[in-house]
Structure formats: C-alpha cells, structure tokens
Protein backbone atom coordinates (compact mmCIF):
# COMPACT_ATOMS: atom_id res chain seq x y z
CA MET A 1 2.11 0.12 -23.97
CA ARG A 2 5.31 0.27 -25.91
CA ALA A 3 4.56 -2.86 -27.74
CA THR A 4 0.98 -1.97 -28.89
CA ARG A 5 -1.48 0.91 -29.20
CA THR A 6 -4.29 -1.55 -30.64
CA ILE A 7 -4.39 -4.75 -28.55
CA PRO A 8 -6.90 -4.13 -25.52
CA ILE A 9 -4.95 -4.05 -22.29
CA VAL A 10 -6.54 -4.02 -18.77
CA GLY A 11 -4.40 -3.14 -16.00
CA ILE A 12 -4.30 -3.24 -12.08
CA ASP A 13 -1.92 -0.87 -10.58
CA LEU A 14 -1.25 0.42 -6.92
CA GLU A 15 1.45 2.64 -7.50
CA SER A 16 1.12 4.82 -10.79
CA ASP A 17 -1.11 7.64 -12.16
CA PRO A 18 -2.14 6.45 -15.58
CA VAL A 19 -2.99 9.76 -17.00
CA ALA A 20 0.47 11.36 -15.84
CA SER A 21 2.14 8.44 -17.12
CA GLY A 22 0.75 8.90 -20.70
CA TRP A 23 -1.24 5.58 -20.76
CA ALA A 24 -4.82 7.27 -20.83
CA GLU A 25 -6.19 10.66 -21.89
CA SER A 26 -8.35 10.84 -18.74
CA LEU A 27 -9.83 8.54 -16.11
CA ALA A 28 -13.34 8.93 -17.33
CA ARG A 29 -12.42 8.30 -21.01
CA PRO A 30 -9.00 6.60 -21.48
CA GLY A 31 -9.22 7.30 -25.21
CA GLY A 32 -6.94 4.58 -26.28
CA ASN A 33 -6.27 0.73 -25.92
CA PHE A 34 -5.72 0.94 -22.02
CA THR A 35 -8.07 1.11 -19.12
CA GLY A 36 -8.09 -0.77 -15.78
CA LEU A 37 -8.19 -0.37 -11.94
CA PHE A 38 -5.59 2.01 -10.15
CA LEU A 39 -5.21 2.88 -6.54
CA ASP A 40 -3.82 6.26 -6.79
CA LEU A 41 -5.16 7.58 -3.60
CA PRO A 42 -2.57 9.84 -1.96
CA GLU A 43 -5.08 10.12 1.13
CA LEU A 44 -4.50 6.53 1.76
CA SER A 45 -1.04 7.25 3.45
CA GLY A 46 -2.88 9.83 5.92
CA LYS A 47 -5.43 7.06 6.98
CA GLN A 48 -2.69 4.59 7.54
CA ILE A 49 -0.69 7.14 9.64
CA GLU A 50 -3.75 7.85 11.70
CA LEU A 51 -4.40 4.10 12.32
CA LEU A 52 -0.88 3.48 13.45
CA LYS A 53 -0.98 6.66 15.63
CA GLU A 54 -4.04 4.95 17.21
CA ALA A 55 -2.43 1.69 17.85
CA VAL A 56 0.98 3.62 19.06
CA PRO A 57 0.00 6.79 20.77
CA THR A 58 3.67 7.92 21.32
CA LEU A 59 4.27 7.83 17.53
CA SER A 60 6.08 10.91 16.34
CA TYR A 61 8.79 9.45 14.24
CA LEU A 62 7.79 7.48 11.44
CA GLY A 63 9.87 5.32 9.09
CA VAL A 64 8.52 4.94 5.41
CA LEU A 65 9.55 1.74 3.43
CA TRP A 66 9.34 2.40 -0.07
CA ASP A 67 10.42 0.92 -3.49
CA SER A 68 12.44 3.93 -5.14
CA ALA A 69 12.20 2.53 -8.52
CA ILE A 70 8.41 3.06 -8.69
CA GLY A 71 7.08 4.60 -5.70
CA GLU A 72 7.80 8.24 -6.02
CA LEU A 73 4.19 9.11 -6.07
CA GLN A 74 3.37 7.29 -3.04
CA PHE A 75 6.51 8.59 -1.00
CA ARG A 76 5.57 12.24 -1.78
CA ALA A 77 1.88 11.49 -0.58
CA ALA A 78 3.24 9.88 2.54
CA GLN A 79 5.73 13.06 3.21
CA THR A 80 2.67 15.40 2.83
CA ALA A 81 0.51 13.15 5.30
CA ALA A 82 3.25 12.99 7.84
CA ARG A 83 3.42 16.69 7.83
CA THR A 84 -0.32 16.93 8.24
CA ALA A 85 -0.15 14.48 11.07
CA GLY A 86 2.74 16.29 12.82
CA VAL A 87 5.10 13.22 12.54
CA THR A 88 8.63 13.36 11.47
CA LEU A 89 9.41 11.12 8.47
CA TYR A 90 12.39 8.98 7.82
CA SER A 91 12.84 7.45 4.44
CA LEU A 92 13.84 3.74 4.10
CA PRO A 93 14.07 3.33 0.28
CA ILE A 94 14.67 -0.15 -1.37
CA GLU A 95 15.39 -1.28 -4.84
CA SER A 96 16.21 -4.96 -4.58
CA PRO A 97 15.69 -7.97 -2.05
CA GLU A 98 19.07 -7.27 -0.68
CA ASP A 99 18.08 -3.93 0.44
CA PHE A 100 15.42 -4.65 3.06
CA LYS A 101 17.55 -5.99 5.94
CA GLY A 102 19.70 -2.98 5.60
CA ALA A 103 16.57 -0.63 5.65
CA PHE A 104 15.53 -2.06 8.81
CA ASP A 105 19.12 -2.04 10.51
CA ARG A 106 18.99 1.45 9.76
CA ALA A 107 15.54 1.92 11.20
CA ALA A 108 16.78 0.05 14.39
CA ARG A 109 19.74 2.24 14.88
CA GLU A 110 17.48 5.30 14.39
CA ARG A 111 16.24 4.64 17.98
CA VAL A 112 13.59 7.55 17.57
CA ILE A 113 11.69 5.79 14.88
CA HIS A 114 8.30 4.60 16.55
CA GLY A 115 6.64 2.75 13.68
CA VAL A 116 6.76 2.23 9.82
CA VAL A 117 4.50 2.67 6.95
CA VAL A 118 5.23 -0.05 4.24
CA LEU A 119 4.27 1.35 0.75
CA SER A 120 3.32 -0.67 -2.12
CA SER A 121 5.25 -2.46 -4.91
CA PRO A 122 5.39 -5.91 -6.20
CA LEU A 123 8.84 -6.31 -4.69
CA ILE A 124 7.56 -5.41 -1.53
CA LEU A 125 4.59 -7.69 -1.62
CA GLU A 126 6.82 -10.61 -2.48
CA GLN A 127 8.95 -10.01 0.50
CA ARG A 128 6.16 -9.31 2.93
CA SER A 129 7.22 -12.12 5.29
CA GLN A 130 10.86 -11.12 5.54
CA ILE A 131 9.54 -7.55 6.11
CA ALA A 132 7.33 -8.63 8.89
CA GLU A 133 10.14 -10.69 10.49
CA TRP A 134 12.73 -7.90 10.34
CA ALA A 135 10.12 -5.29 11.69
CA LEU A 136 9.55 -7.59 14.58
CA LYS A 137 13.36 -7.93 15.41
CA ALA A 138 13.65 -4.26 15.22
CA ARG A 139 10.76 -3.80 17.54
CA LEU A 140 8.85 -1.80 15.07
CA PRO A 141 4.95 -1.78 14.55
CA THR A 142 4.11 -1.58 10.76
CA ILE A 143 1.17 -0.95 8.50
CA SER A 144 0.79 -1.87 4.92
CA LEU A 145 -1.77 -1.30 2.34
CA PHE A 146 -1.45 -5.20 1.53
CA THR A 147 -4.27 -6.95 3.49
CA LEU A 148 -2.23 -10.14 3.29
CA PHE A 149 0.69 -8.38 5.46
CA PRO A 150 -0.79 -9.04 8.90
CA GLY A 151 -1.20 -12.77 7.72
CA SER A 152 2.59 -13.02 7.29
CA GLY A 153 3.39 -11.49 10.62
CA GLY A 154 2.93 -7.62 10.09
CA LEU A 155 1.07 -5.68 12.72
CA MET A 156 -1.43 -4.10 10.52
CA ALA A 157 -2.84 -3.25 7.13
CA TYR A 158 -5.35 -0.91 5.65
CA GLY A 159 -5.92 -1.14 2.01
CA PRO A 160 -8.09 -2.08 -1.02
CA ASN A 161 -9.54 -5.53 -1.08
CA LEU A 162 -7.25 -6.89 -4.01
CA PRO A 163 -9.63 -9.99 -4.85
CA ASP A 164 -12.28 -7.61 -5.50
CA MET A 165 -9.95 -5.68 -7.91
CA TYR A 166 -8.97 -8.81 -9.87
CA LYS A 167 -12.83 -9.69 -10.25
CA HIS A 168 -13.74 -6.38 -11.49
CA ALA A 169 -10.85 -6.62 -14.05
CA ALA A 170 -12.26 -9.87 -15.43
CA VAL A 171 -15.58 -8.12 -15.73
CA TYR A 172 -13.52 -5.43 -17.94
CA VAL A 173 -12.17 -8.28 -20.01
CA ASP A 174 -15.60 -10.10 -20.43
CA ARG A 175 -16.97 -6.49 -21.65
CA ILE A 176 -14.08 -6.09 -24.21
CA LEU A 177 -14.50 -9.48 -25.42
CA LYS A 178 -18.15 -8.87 -26.05
CA GLY A 179 -17.37 -5.64 -28.03
CA THR A 180 -17.04 -2.69 -25.66
CA LYS A 181 -14.40 -0.40 -26.85
CA VAL A 182 -11.51 0.08 -24.23
CA ALA A 183 -11.40 3.82 -24.85
CA ASP A 184 -14.97 4.08 -23.27
CA LEU A 185 -14.15 2.12 -20.19
CA PRO A 186 -13.50 4.65 -17.48
CA ILE A 187 -10.40 3.82 -15.13
CA GLU A 188 -11.76 2.99 -11.75
CA ARG A 189 -10.58 3.17 -8.42
CA PRO A 190 -11.14 0.58 -5.58
CA THR A 191 -14.20 1.29 -3.33
CA ARG A 192 -13.78 -1.33 -0.75
CA PHE A 193 -11.04 -1.06 1.85
CA GLU A 194 -10.27 -3.26 4.85
CA LEU A 195 -8.48 -3.02 8.17
CA VAL A 196 -6.49 -6.18 9.45
CA ILE A 197 -4.93 -6.38 12.67
CA ASN A 198 -2.40 -9.24 13.97
CA LEU A 199 -2.71 -9.48 17.56
CA ARG A 200 -0.13 -12.11 17.91
CA THR A 201 2.27 -9.62 16.56
CA ALA A 202 0.87 -6.73 18.67
CA ARG A 203 1.39 -9.15 21.80
CA ALA A 204 5.08 -9.81 20.46
CA LEU A 205 5.68 -6.13 20.32
CA ARG A 206 4.17 -5.59 23.88
CA LEU A 207 1.51 -3.16 22.20
CA ASP A 208 -1.93 -2.85 23.67
CA VAL A 209 -4.25 -2.09 20.63
CA PRO A 210 -7.11 -0.08 21.70
CA PRO A 211 -10.50 -1.74 21.87
CA THR A 212 -12.17 0.91 19.74
CA LEU A 213 -9.39 0.14 17.00
CA LEU A 214 -9.90 -3.67 17.10
CA ALA A 215 -13.70 -3.09 16.75
CA ARG A 216 -13.13 -1.36 13.63
CA ALA A 217 -11.22 -4.03 12.16
CA ASP A 218 -12.61 -6.33 9.17
CA GLU A 219 -10.29 -9.07 10.39
CA VAL A 220 -8.29 -9.87 13.89
CA ILE A 221 -5.86 -12.58 13.63
CA GLU A 222 -5.64 -13.94 17.01
C-alpha cells in the first residue's frame, strides 16, 4: 500500500482490520486499489476457548501465545473471550523464533496454566511443529486457528479453511483482470470453518477427548 495506490492488490490476512489500518474505506466498498479476504472475527477466540474447555473440563487458567508485533487485535479479543468464559488469561508474547521456547518454559513454570490458545501470525504458522513439540513437553493442550496445526502435533484447531480462501482470492484476481474495479469488490470474511483433533497428541497428554466433541470434528487424526 505504501508502494502504490493504483496497482490492484488482493490480500489474505488473518490478523488485521483493513478499515482500521487505512487500507479500505469500508468492507462493502473498499474504494481504492485494495481488496481481499480478512479473518477479523474476534468471536473466534471465544469459540476456541469453548472447544478447549470441552476437551479440558478443568480449564480455568489459560495461556495465550501471540505475536506481539502484529497480534494486538487478536490478543484483545482473546482477553474479552477469556473474561466471558470465566477463565484467567496469561499472556505469552513472542516476537522472533528465539522467543517460543522461553514462552513455553514460562508456561510450564506457571503450573496453574491448563492449556494454551495459539493465535495467528506468519511466524507462528512457520513454527507450528516446534510449538506442538514444546507444548507436549510442557504437558499443555493447545488449540490454534491453523487447521495444519494438529497435523504437526498440536492437539486441536478451529479456524478457516485456508485453501478455500486462496481459491477465492484467485477468483478476485480473475475478476480484476477481466475489468472489475478493485474499489467495487467487497472485502470478504471466510465462511467455512473446520475443527481438527489429533488423538495421538491427546493420548500423549493423557487426555480423554469427549465423544461428543470428536463427533463434531471435520477431521480426527488417529
């Protein structure tokens, strides 16, 4: 956006508010050269906490792993969701790959933490296997919005279907190349969400996932 106000830009973003960031006039009518798909769903944190509490009925103290460089909106949403759910929140901020181990070491020392919500950032997605490994060593059940996370060893994920978002972004590019003005293409939010559970990780954590929760999962990793 700093480089051009004329070349069309189609973005995919899970952390930002495009209107508050000044990239668009509104979601319905962006009004400039920028459009795309944005998560921007604060209520997602509430759903993730609800699902983690269902898997861990004793959950009352919750760690939140978040990227402090770009995740302020997500973290504030998690704070609100935690208060609504009646759980105490512990902030586990990171800024670089070197910070992850320290965050989980702190979580392990805070023996009252019963689980961790892993918020979204490109850095967190890149480090998902290490996050899953450190969480397992710390004996902490985790949930992420990245549906790839359980496949890397995390316990659970509830979030948007990213391939669907990428495909829809390609549709937007196609429409722009065929003459549709970017200013007239509304910024959209994902509509398809998936629940993925890794039973191998649950067993390693000695956690009995309720059958009612497993029945609702879109994918169960045995």
